[in-house]
Amino acid sequence: MEFLKSVGGKIVGGAVVLAVIAAGISWWTADPATRHMLLGGAGRIVSWFGIVLLVPWVSFFVIGRVARLESNSASAILVGGITLIEAVVLAWLFEWRIAGATAWVFFVAAVLLAGVYNLFTCDWLAEKAG
C-alpha cells in the first residue's frame, strides 16, 4: 500500500510541476495586453477571496452576540447580510459590469461559495463563542 501511495504522490507531484512549467511558458509567451488582463481579473478575484475568508473571523464578536440570541432567523440574517455585502464588493471590484451568461454563472457560483463558507465559519465560531 505504501508503494501505491508513493507512486501516486510522485505522479501527482509530476503533474503539478508540469502544469507550473506550462503556465510559466504560457505567461512568458503571452503579449502584454493578455498579461495585464489576467493580472487585473486574477488580482480582483484573489483580493475578494481574501475578504471572504477574513470577514467572518474579523466579526467574531457580532457572531457571538447573535449566537447568544439562539435565533435561527437572526443567524440567517447575519450570514445573508455578510454574503450580500461580499456580493456587492465583488460586483464593485468588476466595476458593476457582469456581462454575459458566463460572467453571471461565475458571479453566482462565487457568491454561493462565499455563502456556504460564511455559514460554516459563522456556525463554528458561534459554537466556540457560546
C-alpha atoms as a PDB file:
ATOM      1  CA  MET A   1       0.000   0.000   0.000  1.00  0.00           C
ATOM      2  CA  GLU A   2       2.844   2.407   0.781  1.00  0.00           C
ATOM      3  CA  PHE A   3       4.222   1.710  -2.689  1.00  0.00           C
ATOM      4  CA  LEU A   4       0.961   2.851  -4.296  1.00  0.00           C
ATOM      5  CA  LYS A   5       0.859   5.963  -2.130  1.00  0.00           C
ATOM      6  CA  SER A   6       4.417   6.913  -3.039  1.00  0.00           C
ATOM      7  CA  VAL A   7       3.877   6.228  -6.761  1.00  0.00           C
ATOM      8  CA  GLY A   8       0.596   8.168  -6.701  1.00  0.00           C
ATOM      9  CA  GLY A   9       2.283  11.052  -4.896  1.00  0.00           C
ATOM     10  CA  LYS A  10       5.080  11.144  -7.457  1.00  0.00           C
ATOM     11  CA  ILE A  11       2.614  11.127 -10.334  1.00  0.00           C
ATOM     12  CA  VAL A  12       0.556  13.951  -8.824  1.00  0.00           C
ATOM     13  CA  GLY A  13       3.731  15.893  -7.989  1.00  0.00           C
ATOM     14  CA  GLY A  14       4.998  15.448 -11.548  1.00  0.00           C
ATOM     15  CA  ALA A  15       1.664  16.629 -12.969  1.00  0.00           C
ATOM     16  CA  VAL A  16       1.776  19.739 -10.773  1.00  0.00           C
ATOM     17  CA  VAL A  17       5.363  20.510 -11.856  1.00  0.00           C
ATOM     18  CA  LEU A  18       4.367  20.037 -15.494  1.00  0.00           C
ATOM     19  CA  ALA A  19       1.376  22.360 -15.073  1.00  0.00           C
ATOM     20  CA  VAL A  20       3.554  25.021 -13.427  1.00  0.00           C
ATOM     21  CA  ILE A  21       6.094  24.807 -16.249  1.00  0.00           C
ATOM     22  CA  ALA A  22       3.327  25.013 -18.879  1.00  0.00           C
ATOM     23  CA  ALA A  23       1.804  28.022 -17.115  1.00  0.00           C
ATOM     24  CA  GLY A  24       5.208  29.691 -16.954  1.00  0.00           C
ATOM     25  CA  ILE A  25       5.817  29.162 -20.670  1.00  0.00           C
ATOM     26  CA  SER A  26       2.310  30.423 -21.473  1.00  0.00           C
ATOM     27  CA  TRP A  27       2.918  33.505 -19.317  1.00  0.00           C
ATOM     28  CA  TRP A  28       6.291  34.147 -20.950  1.00  0.00           C
ATOM     29  CA  THR A  29       4.875  33.954 -24.479  1.00  0.00           C
ATOM     30  CA  ALA A  30       1.722  35.990 -23.736  1.00  0.00           C
ATOM     31  CA  ASP A  31       1.502  39.532 -25.073  1.00  0.00           C
ATOM     32  CA  PRO A  32       1.431  42.419 -22.552  1.00  0.00           C
ATOM     33  CA  ALA A  33      -2.300  43.069 -23.024  1.00  0.00           C
ATOM     34  CA  THR A  34      -3.137  39.461 -22.137  1.00  0.00           C
ATOM     35  CA  ARG A  35      -0.861  39.575 -19.080  1.00  0.00           C
ATOM     36  CA  HIS A  36      -2.494  42.801 -17.917  1.00  0.00           C
ATOM     37  CA  MET A  37      -5.974  41.330 -18.384  1.00  0.00           C
ATOM     38  CA  LEU A  38      -5.074  38.177 -16.429  1.00  0.00           C
ATOM     39  CA  LEU A  39      -3.423  40.071 -13.599  1.00  0.00           C
ATOM     40  CA  GLY A  40      -6.296  42.535 -13.364  1.00  0.00           C
ATOM     41  CA  GLY A  41      -9.028  39.919 -13.125  1.00  0.00           C
ATOM     42  CA  ALA A  42      -6.987  37.459 -11.096  1.00  0.00           C
ATOM     43  CA  GLY A  43      -5.917  40.146  -8.650  1.00  0.00           C
ATOM     44  CA  ARG A  44      -9.506  41.210  -8.099  1.00  0.00           C
ATOM     45  CA  ILE A  45     -10.646  37.651  -7.547  1.00  0.00           C
ATOM     46  CA  VAL A  46      -7.816  36.866  -5.137  1.00  0.00           C
ATOM     47  CA  SER A  47      -8.481  40.034  -3.135  1.00  0.00           C
ATOM     48  CA  TRP A  48     -12.194  39.249  -2.994  1.00  0.00           C
ATOM     49  CA  PHE A  49     -11.466  35.719  -1.760  1.00  0.00           C
ATOM     50  CA  GLY A  50      -9.212  37.262   0.880  1.00  0.00           C
ATOM     51  CA  ILE A  51     -12.076  39.476   2.006  1.00  0.00           C
ATOM     52  CA  VAL A  52     -14.455  36.494   2.074  1.00  0.00           C
ATOM     53  CA  LEU A  53     -12.003  34.477   4.152  1.00  0.00           C
ATOM     54  CA  LEU A  54     -11.392  37.252   6.688  1.00  0.00           C
ATOM     55  CA  VAL A  55     -14.808  38.853   7.235  1.00  0.00           C
ATOM     56  CA  PRO A  56     -16.312  36.134   9.490  1.00  0.00           C
ATOM     57  CA  TRP A  57     -13.148  35.981  11.585  1.00  0.00           C
ATOM     58  CA  VAL A  58     -12.999  39.753  11.981  1.00  0.00           C
ATOM     59  CA  SER A  59     -16.656  39.948  13.002  1.00  0.00           C
ATOM     60  CA  PHE A  60     -16.488  37.164  15.587  1.00  0.00           C
ATOM     61  CA  PHE A  61     -17.834  39.468  18.309  1.00  0.00           C
ATOM     62  CA  VAL A  62     -21.024  40.046  16.299  1.00  0.00           C
ATOM     63  CA  ILE A  63     -21.318  36.330  15.636  1.00  0.00           C
ATOM     64  CA  GLY A  64     -21.010  35.662  19.369  1.00  0.00           C
ATOM     65  CA  ARG A  65     -23.799  38.125  20.167  1.00  0.00           C
ATOM     66  CA  VAL A  66     -26.090  36.619  17.527  1.00  0.00           C
ATOM     67  CA  ALA A  67     -25.301  33.111  18.813  1.00  0.00           C
ATOM     68  CA  ARG A  68     -26.382  34.120  22.317  1.00  0.00           C
ATOM     69  CA  LEU A  69     -29.769  35.117  20.901  1.00  0.00           C
ATOM     70  CA  GLU A  70     -30.342  31.455  19.956  1.00  0.00           C
ATOM     71  CA  SER A  71     -32.420  32.516  16.957  1.00  0.00           C
ATOM     72  CA  ASN A  72     -32.155  30.816  13.591  1.00  0.00           C
ATOM     73  CA  SER A  73     -33.649  33.835  11.826  1.00  0.00           C
ATOM     74  CA  ALA A  74     -31.096  36.196  13.390  1.00  0.00           C
ATOM     75  CA  SER A  75     -28.304  33.838  12.346  1.00  0.00           C
ATOM     76  CA  ALA A  76     -29.719  33.597   8.824  1.00  0.00           C
ATOM     77  CA  ILE A  77     -29.913  37.394   8.585  1.00  0.00           C
ATOM     78  CA  LEU A  78     -26.291  37.670   9.757  1.00  0.00           C
ATOM     79  CA  VAL A  79     -24.970  35.116   7.254  1.00  0.00           C
ATOM     80  CA  GLY A  80     -27.154  36.530   4.470  1.00  0.00           C
ATOM     81  CA  GLY A  81     -26.046  40.080   5.260  1.00  0.00           C
ATOM     82  CA  ILE A  82     -22.366  39.164   5.226  1.00  0.00           C
ATOM     83  CA  THR A  83     -22.829  37.296   1.941  1.00  0.00           C
ATOM     84  CA  LEU A  84     -24.795  40.169   0.400  1.00  0.00           C
ATOM     85  CA  ILE A  85     -22.066  42.655   1.330  1.00  0.00           C
ATOM     86  CA  GLU A  86     -19.440  40.352  -0.194  1.00  0.00           C
ATOM     87  CA  ALA A  87     -21.521  40.057  -3.391  1.00  0.00           C
ATOM     88  CA  VAL A  88     -21.715  43.857  -3.630  1.00  0.00           C
ATOM     89  CA  VAL A  89     -17.948  44.119  -3.130  1.00  0.00           C
ATOM     90  CA  LEU A  90     -17.383  41.554  -5.895  1.00  0.00           C
ATOM     91  CA  ALA A  91     -19.611  43.470  -8.302  1.00  0.00           C
ATOM     92  CA  TRP A  92     -17.838  46.719  -7.338  1.00  0.00           C
ATOM     93  CA  LEU A  93     -14.407  45.171  -7.963  1.00  0.00           C
ATOM     94  CA  PHE A  94     -15.515  44.394 -11.520  1.00  0.00           C
ATOM     95  CA  GLU A  95     -16.910  47.919 -11.936  1.00  0.00           C
ATOM     96  CA  TRP A  96     -20.542  46.796 -11.733  1.00  0.00           C
ATOM     97  CA  ARG A  97     -20.197  45.036 -15.116  1.00  0.00           C
ATOM     98  CA  ILE A  98     -21.261  41.418 -15.148  1.00  0.00           C
ATOM     99  CA  ALA A  99     -21.773  40.977 -18.856  1.00  0.00           C
ATOM    100  CA  GLY A 100     -22.842  37.723 -20.428  1.00  0.00           C
ATOM    101  CA  ALA A 101     -24.126  34.404 -19.189  1.00  0.00           C
ATOM    102  CA  THR A 102     -20.684  33.051 -18.296  1.00  0.00           C
ATOM    103  CA  ALA A 103     -19.896  36.032 -16.100  1.00  0.00           C
ATOM    104  CA  TRP A 104     -23.228  35.640 -14.329  1.00  0.00           C
ATOM    105  CA  VAL A 105     -22.635  31.928 -13.757  1.00  0.00           C
ATOM    106  CA  PHE A 106     -19.223  32.654 -12.212  1.00  0.00           C
ATOM    107  CA  PHE A 107     -20.644  35.527 -10.153  1.00  0.00           C
ATOM    108  CA  VAL A 108     -23.480  33.402  -8.762  1.00  0.00           C
ATOM    109  CA  ALA A 109     -21.123  30.465  -8.118  1.00  0.00           C
ATOM    110  CA  ALA A 110     -18.688  32.726  -6.263  1.00  0.00           C
ATOM    111  CA  VAL A 111     -21.460  34.240  -4.134  1.00  0.00           C
ATOM    112  CA  LEU A 112     -22.853  30.777  -3.328  1.00  0.00           C
ATOM    113  CA  LEU A 113     -19.371  29.604  -2.384  1.00  0.00           C
ATOM    114  CA  ALA A 114     -18.981  32.641  -0.134  1.00  0.00           C
ATOM    115  CA  GLY A 115     -22.380  31.972   1.427  1.00  0.00           C
ATOM    116  CA  VAL A 116     -21.543  28.357   2.222  1.00  0.00           C
ATOM    117  CA  TYR A 117     -18.171  29.380   3.666  1.00  0.00           C
ATOM    118  CA  ASN A 118     -19.845  32.079   5.759  1.00  0.00           C
ATOM    119  CA  LEU A 119     -22.445  29.609   7.015  1.00  0.00           C
ATOM    120  CA  PHE A 120     -19.908  27.003   8.120  1.00  0.00           C
ATOM    121  CA  THR A 121     -17.447  29.519   9.550  1.00  0.00           C
ATOM    122  CA  CYS A 122     -20.088  31.503  11.445  1.00  0.00           C
ATOM    123  CA  ASP A 123     -21.561  28.264  12.793  1.00  0.00           C
ATOM    124  CA  TRP A 124     -18.146  27.094  14.008  1.00  0.00           C
ATOM    125  CA  LEU A 125     -17.372  30.474  15.569  1.00  0.00           C
ATOM    126  CA  ALA A 126     -20.796  30.557  17.243  1.00  0.00           C
ATOM    127  CA  GLU A 127     -20.130  27.150  18.798  1.00  0.00           C
ATOM    128  CA  LYS A 128     -16.800  28.371  20.152  1.00  0.00           C
ATOM    129  CA  ALA A 129     -18.274  31.650  21.422  1.00  0.00           C
ATOM    130  CA  GLY A 130     -21.262  30.022  23.124  1.00  0.00           C
END
